[in-house]
């Protein structure tokens, strides 16, 4: 993985403000995944290719997340003014705290996010408002994508004003490029997009990490 000279001009935004309703009573981002809390795995993976990491969360999450991330990369927090309005509102809150032209957005339940793909997405986004992966015949991976910070923030504001909560709705206002499966596979396995929503998915992810050592 080659580090670009513009690393310090990149922000990584980790979305952690949901209530994890399918996961049970625990905050899934703080759950110990094969010896490391899941949000810590995400932050550690993206840190080498960004200059700043911002965590979007609810007010009551700040202290436990800060404790969980202690001793690792420095992070700042973007707290939702109104909790649990969905990932698009979380993206807007996080983007408003980002000071760089481009921001990589990733959900805290994606512990296999590949930094090589992150770096490639920053390269593909250059000159555009976003670079969004899409596996063949699949959904746009809007929570593992790079956005130009200010245009995406404005697009999220407009979408919220329209009453839309779909996370891909802001894209209609942006000049974005789609990164297809063949290009993705040149930089990462498709497991980069694997997310952990349920205890069963969590156990499978833990088993995989333990096998990989």
C-alpha atoms as a PDB file:
ATOM      1  CA  UNK A   1       0.000   0.000   0.000  1.00  0.00           C
ATOM      2  CA  UNK A   2       1.540   3.273  -1.100  1.00  0.00           C
ATOM      3  CA  UNK A   3       0.838   6.283   1.112  1.00  0.00           C
ATOM      4  CA  UNK A   4      -0.016   9.343  -0.939  1.00  0.00           C
ATOM      5  CA  UNK A   5       1.570  12.704  -0.185  1.00  0.00           C
ATOM      6  CA  UNK A   6      -1.949  14.102   0.389  1.00  0.00           C
ATOM      7  CA  UNK A   7      -2.664  11.877   3.385  1.00  0.00           C
ATOM      8  CA  UNK A   8      -2.912  14.856   5.752  1.00  0.00           C
ATOM      9  CA  UNK A   9      -5.553  16.342   3.479  1.00  0.00           C
ATOM     10  CA  UNK A  10      -7.851  13.361   4.041  1.00  0.00           C
ATOM     11  CA  UNK A  11     -10.350  12.674   6.810  1.00  0.00           C
ATOM     12  CA  UNK A  12     -11.720   9.290   7.827  1.00  0.00           C
ATOM     13  CA  UNK A  13     -15.255   9.437   9.259  1.00  0.00           C
ATOM     14  CA  UNK A  14     -16.450   6.447  11.286  1.00  0.00           C
ATOM     15  CA  UNK A  15     -20.219   6.213  11.781  1.00  0.00           C
ATOM     16  CA  UNK A  16     -21.057   4.822  15.219  1.00  0.00           C
ATOM     17  CA  UNK A  17     -24.240   6.601  16.286  1.00  0.00           C
ATOM     18  CA  UNK A  18     -26.861   3.905  15.648  1.00  0.00           C
ATOM     19  CA  UNK A  19     -28.585   1.976  18.428  1.00  0.00           C
ATOM     20  CA  UNK A  20     -27.514  -1.492  17.162  1.00  0.00           C
ATOM     21  CA  UNK A  21     -31.059  -2.809  17.547  1.00  0.00           C
ATOM     22  CA  UNK A  22     -30.336  -6.088  15.735  1.00  0.00           C
ATOM     23  CA  UNK A  23     -27.252  -6.711  17.830  1.00  0.00           C
ATOM     24  CA  UNK A  24     -28.937  -6.836  21.212  1.00  0.00           C
ATOM     25  CA  UNK A  25     -28.375  -4.613  24.230  1.00  0.00           C
ATOM     26  CA  UNK A  26     -24.638  -4.065  23.633  1.00  0.00           C
ATOM     27  CA  UNK A  27     -23.120  -1.262  21.589  1.00  0.00           C
ATOM     28  CA  UNK A  28     -21.718  -3.339  18.749  1.00  0.00           C
ATOM     29  CA  UNK A  29     -18.920  -0.887  18.023  1.00  0.00           C
ATOM     30  CA  UNK A  30     -17.520  -1.521  21.503  1.00  0.00           C
ATOM     31  CA  UNK A  31     -17.945  -5.295  21.368  1.00  0.00           C
ATOM     32  CA  UNK A  32     -14.718  -7.318  21.641  1.00  0.00           C
ATOM     33  CA  UNK A  33     -14.145  -8.890  18.234  1.00  0.00           C
ATOM     34  CA  UNK A  34     -11.446 -11.555  18.480  1.00  0.00           C
ATOM     35  CA  UNK A  35      -9.578  -9.574  21.118  1.00  0.00           C
ATOM     36  CA  UNK A  36     -10.075  -6.053  19.719  1.00  0.00           C
ATOM     37  CA  UNK A  37     -13.188  -3.854  19.932  1.00  0.00           C
ATOM     38  CA  UNK A  38     -14.816  -3.612  16.523  1.00  0.00           C
ATOM     39  CA  UNK A  39     -14.596   0.181  16.243  1.00  0.00           C
ATOM     40  CA  UNK A  40     -10.910  -0.009  17.155  1.00  0.00           C
ATOM     41  CA  UNK A  41     -10.351  -2.429  14.274  1.00  0.00           C
ATOM     42  CA  UNK A  42     -12.001   0.013  11.865  1.00  0.00           C
ATOM     43  CA  UNK A  43     -10.024   3.018  13.116  1.00  0.00           C
ATOM     44  CA  UNK A  44      -6.724   1.099  13.051  1.00  0.00           C
ATOM     45  CA  UNK A  45      -7.341  -0.047   9.479  1.00  0.00           C
ATOM     46  CA  UNK A  46      -8.106   3.364   8.019  1.00  0.00           C
ATOM     47  CA  UNK A  47      -5.612   5.405  10.049  1.00  0.00           C
ATOM     48  CA  UNK A  48      -2.590   4.725   7.749  1.00  0.00           C
ATOM     49  CA  UNK A  49      -4.307   6.386   4.758  1.00  0.00           C
ATOM     50  CA  UNK A  50      -5.948   9.404   6.385  1.00  0.00           C
ATOM     51  CA  UNK A  51      -4.583  12.317   8.348  1.00  0.00           C
ATOM     52  CA  UNK A  52      -7.541  12.739  10.708  1.00  0.00           C
ATOM     53  CA  UNK A  53     -10.159  10.371  12.095  1.00  0.00           C
ATOM     54  CA  UNK A  54     -13.574  11.652  13.197  1.00  0.00           C
ATOM     55  CA  UNK A  55     -16.069   9.444  15.032  1.00  0.00           C
ATOM     56  CA  UNK A  56     -19.747  10.302  14.694  1.00  0.00           C
ATOM     57  CA  UNK A  57     -21.806   9.115  17.646  1.00  0.00           C
ATOM     58  CA  UNK A  58     -24.356  10.051  20.301  1.00  0.00           C
ATOM     59  CA  UNK A  59     -23.329  12.128  23.314  1.00  0.00           C
ATOM     60  CA  UNK A  60     -23.453   9.204  25.733  1.00  0.00           C
ATOM     61  CA  UNK A  61     -21.139   7.179  23.516  1.00  0.00           C
ATOM     62  CA  UNK A  62     -18.244   9.636  23.543  1.00  0.00           C
ATOM     63  CA  UNK A  63     -16.712   8.557  26.865  1.00  0.00           C
ATOM     64  CA  UNK A  64     -16.836   4.771  26.290  1.00  0.00           C
ATOM     65  CA  UNK A  65     -15.577   5.112  22.700  1.00  0.00           C
ATOM     66  CA  UNK A  66     -12.754   7.408  23.802  1.00  0.00           C
ATOM     67  CA  UNK A  67     -11.768   4.841  26.434  1.00  0.00           C
ATOM     68  CA  UNK A  68     -11.946   2.033  23.869  1.00  0.00           C
ATOM     69  CA  UNK A  69      -9.696   3.930  21.437  1.00  0.00           C
ATOM     70  CA  UNK A  70      -7.184   5.072  24.070  1.00  0.00           C
ATOM     71  CA  UNK A  71      -3.590   4.356  23.103  1.00  0.00           C
ATOM     72  CA  UNK A  72      -4.386   4.214  19.405  1.00  0.00           C
ATOM     73  CA  UNK A  73      -4.715   6.827  16.681  1.00  0.00           C
ATOM     74  CA  UNK A  74      -5.954  10.235  17.776  1.00  0.00           C
ATOM     75  CA  UNK A  75      -9.616  10.824  17.014  1.00  0.00           C
ATOM     76  CA  UNK A  76     -12.078  13.674  17.373  1.00  0.00           C
ATOM     77  CA  UNK A  77     -15.823  13.366  17.875  1.00  0.00           C
ATOM     78  CA  UNK A  78     -18.803  14.740  15.968  1.00  0.00           C
ATOM     79  CA  UNK A  79     -21.844  14.321  18.188  1.00  0.00           C
ATOM     80  CA  UNK A  80     -25.309  14.034  16.672  1.00  0.00           C
ATOM     81  CA  UNK A  81     -27.462  16.998  17.766  1.00  0.00           C
ATOM     82  CA  UNK A  82     -30.500  14.723  17.462  1.00  0.00           C
ATOM     83  CA  UNK A  83     -29.714  11.029  18.091  1.00  0.00           C
ATOM     84  CA  UNK A  84     -30.501   8.156  15.755  1.00  0.00           C
ATOM     85  CA  UNK A  85     -31.767  10.034  12.711  1.00  0.00           C
ATOM     86  CA  UNK A  86     -30.073   7.499  10.464  1.00  0.00           C
ATOM     87  CA  UNK A  87     -26.694   7.201   8.743  1.00  0.00           C
ATOM     88  CA  UNK A  88     -27.219  10.117   6.366  1.00  0.00           C
ATOM     89  CA  UNK A  89     -27.720  12.508   9.290  1.00  0.00           C
ATOM     90  CA  UNK A  90     -24.636  10.990  10.911  1.00  0.00           C
ATOM     91  CA  UNK A  91     -22.648  11.577   7.743  1.00  0.00           C
ATOM     92  CA  UNK A  92     -23.787  15.210   7.690  1.00  0.00           C
ATOM     93  CA  UNK A  93     -22.752  15.710  11.322  1.00  0.00           C
ATOM     94  CA  UNK A  94     -19.366  14.126  10.677  1.00  0.00           C
ATOM     95  CA  UNK A  95     -18.717  16.061   7.480  1.00  0.00           C
ATOM     96  CA  UNK A  96     -19.400  19.325   9.278  1.00  0.00           C
ATOM     97  CA  UNK A  97     -16.521  18.423  11.617  1.00  0.00           C
ATOM     98  CA  UNK A  98     -14.111  17.539   8.795  1.00  0.00           C
ATOM     99  CA  UNK A  99     -11.599  20.163   7.717  1.00  0.00           C
ATOM    100  CA  UNK A 100     -10.270  18.435   4.585  1.00  0.00           C
ATOM    101  CA  UNK A 101     -11.497  18.537   1.000  1.00  0.00           C
ATOM    102  CA  UNK A 102     -12.258  14.815   0.881  1.00  0.00           C
ATOM    103  CA  UNK A 103     -13.607  12.466   3.526  1.00  0.00           C
ATOM    104  CA  UNK A 104     -13.773   8.686   3.597  1.00  0.00           C
ATOM    105  CA  UNK A 105     -16.949   7.433   5.277  1.00  0.00           C
ATOM    106  CA  UNK A 106     -17.166   3.981   6.839  1.00  0.00           C
ATOM    107  CA  UNK A 107     -19.549   2.312   9.261  1.00  0.00           C
ATOM    108  CA  UNK A 108     -18.157   1.116  12.590  1.00  0.00           C
ATOM    109  CA  UNK A 109     -19.496  -2.391  11.865  1.00  0.00           C
ATOM    110  CA  UNK A 110     -17.182  -2.954   8.870  1.00  0.00           C
ATOM    111  CA  UNK A 111     -14.134  -4.497  10.595  1.00  0.00           C
ATOM    112  CA  UNK A 112     -12.583  -5.801   7.371  1.00  0.00           C
ATOM    113  CA  UNK A 113     -12.350  -2.424   5.596  1.00  0.00           C
ATOM    114  CA  UNK A 114      -9.248  -2.551   3.409  1.00  0.00           C
ATOM    115  CA  UNK A 115      -6.902   0.483   3.502  1.00  0.00           C
ATOM    116  CA  UNK A 116      -5.678  -0.245  -0.029  1.00  0.00           C
ATOM    117  CA  UNK A 117      -9.228   0.235  -1.312  1.00  0.00           C
ATOM    118  CA  UNK A 118      -9.604   3.382   0.786  1.00  0.00           C
ATOM    119  CA  UNK A 119      -6.479   4.883  -0.811  1.00  0.00           C
ATOM    120  CA  UNK A 120      -7.739   3.933  -4.278  1.00  0.00           C
ATOM    121  CA  UNK A 121     -11.125   5.544  -3.624  1.00  0.00           C
ATOM    122  CA  UNK A 122      -9.419   8.796  -2.675  1.00  0.00           C
ATOM    123  CA  UNK A 123      -7.522   8.664  -5.971  1.00  0.00           C
ATOM    124  CA  UNK A 124     -10.698   7.957  -7.963  1.00  0.00           C
ATOM    125  CA  UNK A 125     -12.605  10.752  -6.229  1.00  0.00           C
ATOM    126  CA  UNK A 126     -10.081  13.396  -7.291  1.00  0.00           C
ATOM    127  CA  UNK A 127     -11.820  15.917  -9.522  1.00  0.00           C
ATOM    128  CA  UNK A 128     -15.268  14.569  -8.593  1.00  0.00           C
ATOM    129  CA  UNK A 129     -17.667  14.898  -5.681  1.00  0.00           C
ATOM    130  CA  UNK A 130     -17.517  11.224  -4.706  1.00  0.00           C
ATOM    131  CA  UNK A 131     -16.199   7.766  -5.510  1.00  0.00           C
ATOM    132  CA  UNK A 132     -18.664   5.063  -4.500  1.00  0.00           C
ATOM    133  CA  UNK A 133     -18.017   1.312  -4.840  1.00  0.00           C
ATOM    134  CA  UNK A 134     -20.599  -1.069  -6.236  1.00  0.00           C
ATOM    135  CA  UNK A 135     -20.265  -4.812  -6.482  1.00  0.00           C
ATOM    136  CA  UNK A 136     -21.806  -6.176  -9.694  1.00  0.00           C
ATOM    137  CA  UNK A 137     -25.620  -6.348  -9.390  1.00  0.00           C
ATOM    138  CA  UNK A 138     -25.377  -4.948  -5.867  1.00  0.00           C
ATOM    139  CA  UNK A 139     -26.110  -1.769  -3.966  1.00  0.00           C
ATOM    140  CA  UNK A 140     -23.882   1.263  -3.967  1.00  0.00           C
ATOM    141  CA  UNK A 141     -21.610   0.983  -0.932  1.00  0.00           C
ATOM    142  CA  UNK A 142     -22.361   4.452   0.396  1.00  0.00           C
ATOM    143  CA  UNK A 143     -20.964   3.692   3.865  1.00  0.00           C
ATOM    144  CA  UNK A 144     -17.570   2.755   2.473  1.00  0.00           C
ATOM    145  CA  UNK A 145     -16.986   5.596   0.035  1.00  0.00           C
ATOM    146  CA  UNK A 146     -15.074   8.852  -0.421  1.00  0.00           C
ATOM    147  CA  UNK A 147     -16.916  12.170  -0.683  1.00  0.00           C
ATOM    148  CA  UNK A 148     -15.879  15.728  -1.347  1.00  0.00           C
ATOM    149  CA  UNK A 149     -16.700  17.109   2.056  1.00  0.00           C
ATOM    150  CA  UNK A 150     -18.557  20.374   1.391  1.00  0.00           C
ATOM    151  CA  UNK A 151     -20.680  19.254  -1.606  1.00  0.00           C
ATOM    152  CA  UNK A 152     -21.727  16.060   0.159  1.00  0.00           C
ATOM    153  CA  UNK A 153     -22.656  17.988   3.316  1.00  0.00           C
ATOM    154  CA  UNK A 154     -24.841  20.326   1.276  1.00  0.00           C
ATOM    155  CA  UNK A 155     -26.399  17.391  -0.574  1.00  0.00           C
ATOM    156  CA  UNK A 156     -27.225  15.676   2.729  1.00  0.00           C
ATOM    157  CA  UNK A 157     -28.832  18.878   4.024  1.00  0.00           C
ATOM    158  CA  UNK A 158     -30.999  19.125   0.917  1.00  0.00           C
ATOM    159  CA  UNK A 159     -32.002  15.463   1.154  1.00  0.00           C
ATOM    160  CA  UNK A 160     -33.026  15.896   4.792  1.00  0.00           C
ATOM    161  CA  UNK A 161     -35.014  18.999   3.865  1.00  0.00           C
ATOM    162  CA  UNK A 162     -36.817  16.899   1.236  1.00  0.00           C
ATOM    163  CA  UNK A 163     -37.668  14.373   3.936  1.00  0.00           C
ATOM    164  CA  UNK A 164     -35.502  11.652   2.388  1.00  0.00           C
ATOM    165  CA  UNK A 165     -33.564   9.246   4.612  1.00  0.00           C
ATOM    166  CA  UNK A 166     -32.141   6.954   1.933  1.00  0.00           C
ATOM    167  CA  UNK A 167     -28.387   7.215   2.200  1.00  0.00           C
ATOM    168  CA  UNK A 168     -27.918   7.237  -1.569  1.00  0.00           C
ATOM    169  CA  UNK A 169     -30.344  10.118  -2.139  1.00  0.00           C
ATOM    170  CA  UNK A 170     -27.678  12.874  -1.824  1.00  0.00           C
ATOM    171  CA  UNK A 171     -25.808  11.351  -4.761  1.00  0.00           C
ATOM    172  CA  UNK A 172     -28.380  12.746  -7.176  1.00  0.00           C
ATOM    173  CA  UNK A 173     -26.912  16.196  -6.454  1.00  0.00           C
ATOM    174  CA  UNK A 174     -23.295  15.127  -6.900  1.00  0.00           C
ATOM    175  CA  UNK A 175     -20.832  14.431  -9.689  1.00  0.00           C
ATOM    176  CA  UNK A 176     -19.827  10.960  -8.537  1.00  0.00           C
ATOM    177  CA  UNK A 177     -18.002   8.015 -10.054  1.00  0.00           C
ATOM    178  CA  UNK A 178     -18.972   4.408  -9.492  1.00  0.00           C
ATOM    179  CA  UNK A 179     -16.095   2.033  -8.761  1.00  0.00           C
ATOM    180  CA  UNK A 180     -17.088  -1.340 -10.160  1.00  0.00           C
ATOM    181  CA  UNK A 181     -16.292  -4.821  -8.931  1.00  0.00           C
ATOM    182  CA  UNK A 182     -13.364  -5.461 -11.250  1.00  0.00           C
ATOM    183  CA  UNK A 183     -11.586  -2.332 -10.027  1.00  0.00           C
ATOM    184  CA  UNK A 184     -12.442  -3.152  -6.418  1.00  0.00           C
ATOM    185  CA  UNK A 185     -10.921  -6.626  -6.730  1.00  0.00           C
ATOM    186  CA  UNK A 186      -7.637  -5.122  -7.914  1.00  0.00           C
ATOM    187  CA  UNK A 187      -7.254  -3.512  -4.488  1.00  0.00           C
ATOM    188  CA  UNK A 188      -9.280  -5.547  -2.003  1.00  0.00           C
ATOM    189  CA  UNK A 189     -11.299  -8.673  -1.417  1.00  0.00           C
ATOM    190  CA  UNK A 190     -15.046  -8.133  -1.401  1.00  0.00           C
ATOM    191  CA  UNK A 191     -15.030  -8.954   2.311  1.00  0.00           C
ATOM    192  CA  UNK A 192     -14.027  -5.311   2.794  1.00  0.00           C
ATOM    193  CA  UNK A 193     -17.765  -4.545   2.626  1.00  0.00           C
ATOM    194  CA  UNK A 194     -18.795  -7.183   5.156  1.00  0.00           C
ATOM    195  CA  UNK A 195     -20.728  -5.617   7.982  1.00  0.00           C
ATOM    196  CA  UNK A 196     -21.732  -7.032  11.340  1.00  0.00           C
ATOM    197  CA  UNK A 197     -25.328  -6.415  12.360  1.00  0.00           C
ATOM    198  CA  UNK A 198     -26.308  -9.461  14.398  1.00  0.00           C
ATOM    199  CA  UNK A 199     -24.686 -11.670  17.069  1.00  0.00           C
ATOM    200  CA  UNK A 200     -24.494 -14.468  14.497  1.00  0.00           C
ATOM    201  CA  UNK A 201     -22.599 -12.292  12.023  1.00  0.00           C
ATOM    202  CA  UNK A 202     -20.356 -11.154  14.863  1.00  0.00           C
ATOM    203  CA  UNK A 203     -19.462 -14.744  15.759  1.00  0.00           C
ATOM    204  CA  UNK A 204     -18.677 -15.582  12.138  1.00  0.00           C
ATOM    205  CA  UNK A 205     -16.435 -12.523  11.869  1.00  0.00           C
ATOM    206  CA  UNK A 206     -14.666 -13.465  15.109  1.00  0.00           C
ATOM    207  CA  UNK A 207     -14.095 -17.028  13.886  1.00  0.00           C
ATOM    208  CA  UNK A 208     -12.618 -15.727  10.648  1.00  0.00           C
ATOM    209  CA  UNK A 209     -10.252 -13.337  12.420  1.00  0.00           C
ATOM    210  CA  UNK A 210      -9.123 -16.028  14.828  1.00  0.00           C
ATOM    211  CA  UNK A 211      -8.401 -18.421  11.937  1.00  0.00           C
ATOM    212  CA  UNK A 212      -6.396 -15.733  10.173  1.00  0.00           C
ATOM    213  CA  UNK A 213      -4.400 -15.212  13.365  1.00  0.00           C
END
